Amino acid sequence: MFCFEFKKKNPNMASPLTLAFVGDAIWEIYVRSRIIEEYPDMPVNKLHRNAVRFVKADRQCIALNALTDSLSEDEMSAYKRGRNANPHTVAKHASVSDYRHATGFEALLGYVYMKNDAERLNELMEKAYNAVIEQAE
């Protein structure tokens, strides 16, 4: 799905919050792309409301839980680095626990993206996306 190759930094050397920053953007693009594929004629405000369902911290926790059993040691380490990072912001609409796990989920995606492993990134995001949908039903 992603054609941009990341060339600048080794993901193991990136800060966990940098990984989360990248992962947040990757997840948002993936979710928006999927929603547009599924509902090409939906009005933009409804597209946005649909996307929000997937990017909220509690939903990212659901997504993460669907992935944990299939993560490699390096991927789990990236998740834990993100989860344990000390962000200088406070979640407005999420518990501290959900916010930390969501940051870990985003760090995981950022890590895999920065490794330039598009196949694995798409595999993880597909599984995560489907887990959120299943939980909503």
Protein backbone atom coordinates (compact mmCIF):
# COMPACT_ATOMS: atom_id res chain seq x y z
CA MET A 1 0.00 0.00 0.00
CA PHE A 2 2.77 2.48 0.83
CA CYS A 3 5.27 3.30 -1.86
CA PHE A 4 7.48 5.74 0.02
CA GLU A 5 10.75 4.19 1.16
CA PHE A 6 12.10 5.52 4.44
CA LYS A 7 15.84 6.17 4.09
CA LYS A 8 16.89 8.52 6.84
CA LYS A 9 16.98 6.74 10.18
CA ASN A 10 17.42 3.32 11.73
CA PRO A 11 14.15 2.62 13.60
CA ASN A 12 16.09 1.19 16.54
CA MET A 13 17.77 4.57 16.98
CA ALA A 14 14.55 6.62 16.77
CA SER A 15 12.89 7.79 19.94
CA PRO A 16 9.69 5.93 20.82
CA LEU A 17 7.67 9.12 20.44
CA THR A 18 9.14 9.67 16.97
CA LEU A 19 8.08 6.15 16.06
CA ALA A 20 4.59 6.90 17.43
CA PHE A 21 4.46 10.17 15.47
CA VAL A 22 5.16 8.28 12.24
CA GLY A 23 2.90 5.37 13.16
CA ASP A 24 -0.02 7.67 13.93
CA ALA A 25 0.20 9.14 10.42
CA ILE A 26 0.54 5.72 8.77
CA TRP A 27 -2.48 4.35 10.64
CA GLU A 28 -4.57 7.42 9.79
CA ILE A 29 -3.75 7.13 6.07
CA TYR A 30 -4.46 3.39 6.09
CA VAL A 31 -7.81 3.84 7.84
CA ARG A 32 -8.89 6.68 5.56
CA SER A 33 -7.89 4.71 2.47
CA ARG A 34 -9.84 1.65 3.59
CA ILE A 35 -12.95 3.68 4.40
CA ILE A 36 -12.87 5.43 1.03
CA GLU A 37 -12.49 2.05 -0.71
CA GLU A 38 -15.50 0.69 1.18
CA TYR A 39 -17.68 3.82 0.91
CA PRO A 40 -16.53 5.80 -2.15
CA ASP A 41 -19.63 8.03 -2.27
CA MET A 42 -19.95 8.79 1.43
CA PRO A 43 -20.01 12.50 2.36
CA VAL A 44 -16.75 13.76 3.85
CA ASN A 45 -18.18 14.45 7.32
CA LYS A 46 -19.35 10.83 7.55
CA LEU A 47 -15.98 9.62 6.24
CA HIS A 48 -14.34 11.56 9.05
CA ARG A 49 -16.68 10.15 11.72
CA ASN A 50 -15.97 6.65 10.44
CA ALA A 51 -12.21 7.24 10.56
CA VAL A 52 -12.38 8.54 14.14
CA ARG A 53 -13.80 5.18 15.21
CA PHE A 54 -10.45 3.58 14.33
CA VAL A 55 -7.96 6.15 15.56
CA LYS A 56 -9.31 6.67 19.08
CA ALA A 57 -7.06 5.33 21.83
CA ASP A 58 -9.52 2.68 23.03
CA ARG A 59 -9.86 1.32 19.48
CA GLN A 60 -6.11 1.26 19.01
CA CYS A 61 -5.96 -0.90 22.16
CA ILE A 62 -8.35 -3.34 20.50
CA ALA A 63 -6.16 -3.31 17.40
CA LEU A 64 -3.03 -3.92 19.46
CA ASN A 65 -4.59 -6.82 21.36
CA ALA A 66 -5.28 -8.54 18.03
CA LEU A 67 -1.59 -8.29 17.14
CA THR A 68 0.33 -9.13 20.29
CA ASP A 69 0.48 -12.91 19.76
CA SER A 70 1.97 -12.47 16.28
CA LEU A 71 4.63 -9.86 17.03
CA SER A 72 8.32 -10.61 16.68
CA GLU A 73 10.67 -9.83 19.55
CA ASP A 74 11.81 -6.60 17.83
CA GLU A 75 8.22 -5.54 17.15
CA MET A 76 7.21 -6.20 20.74
CA SER A 77 10.19 -4.17 21.90
CA ALA A 78 9.11 -1.23 19.69
CA TYR A 79 5.58 -1.47 21.12
CA LYS A 80 6.89 -1.52 24.70
CA ARG A 81 9.20 1.42 24.06
CA GLY A 82 6.21 3.42 22.82
CA ARG A 83 3.95 2.28 25.64
CA ASN A 84 6.53 3.23 28.26
CA ALA A 85 7.45 6.57 26.70
CA ASN A 86 6.67 9.68 28.68
CA PRO A 87 4.62 11.95 26.41
CA HIS A 88 4.27 15.52 27.52
CA THR A 89 0.57 15.58 26.73
CA VAL A 90 -2.50 14.32 28.53
CA ALA A 91 -5.25 12.34 26.83
CA LYS A 92 -8.51 14.28 26.70
CA HIS A 93 -10.91 11.43 25.99
CA ALA A 94 -8.96 8.33 27.00
CA SER A 95 -7.70 6.67 30.13
CA VAL A 96 -3.97 6.92 30.81
CA SER A 97 -3.68 3.18 30.23
CA ASP A 98 -5.47 3.27 26.86
CA TYR A 99 -3.41 6.28 25.81
CA ARG A 100 -0.14 4.52 26.65
CA HIS A 101 -1.13 1.34 24.81
CA ALA A 102 -2.27 3.41 21.82
CA THR A 103 1.10 5.16 21.79
CA GLY A 104 2.73 1.74 21.82
CA PHE A 105 0.55 0.62 18.89
CA GLU A 106 1.56 3.72 16.93
CA ALA A 107 5.24 3.18 17.79
CA LEU A 108 4.97 -0.39 16.53
CA LEU A 109 3.56 0.78 13.19
CA GLY A 110 6.18 3.52 12.94
CA TYR A 111 8.92 0.98 13.62
CA VAL A 112 7.77 -1.43 10.93
CA TYR A 113 7.30 1.45 8.48
CA MET A 114 10.80 2.78 9.15
CA LYS A 115 12.18 -0.72 8.56
CA ASN A 116 10.71 -0.47 5.05
CA ASP A 117 8.82 -3.73 5.53
CA ALA A 118 5.68 -2.82 3.58
CA GLU A 119 4.40 -6.39 3.49
CA ARG A 120 4.56 -6.77 7.27
CA LEU A 121 3.15 -3.29 7.83
CA ASN A 122 0.14 -4.04 5.65
CA GLU A 123 -0.33 -7.41 7.34
CA LEU A 124 -0.38 -5.80 10.79
CA MET A 125 -2.69 -2.96 9.77
CA GLU A 126 -5.12 -5.30 8.01
CA LYS A 127 -5.36 -7.48 11.11
CA ALA A 128 -5.72 -4.44 13.37
CA TYR A 129 -8.39 -2.85 11.16
CA ASN A 130 -10.43 -6.06 11.03
CA ALA A 131 -10.20 -6.47 14.82
CA VAL A 132 -11.67 -3.01 15.36
CA ILE A 133 -14.50 -3.78 12.95
CA GLU A 134 -15.23 -7.11 14.64
CA GLN A 135 -15.31 -5.48 18.08
CA ALA A 136 -17.79 -2.85 16.84
CA GLU A 137 -20.25 -5.47 15.60
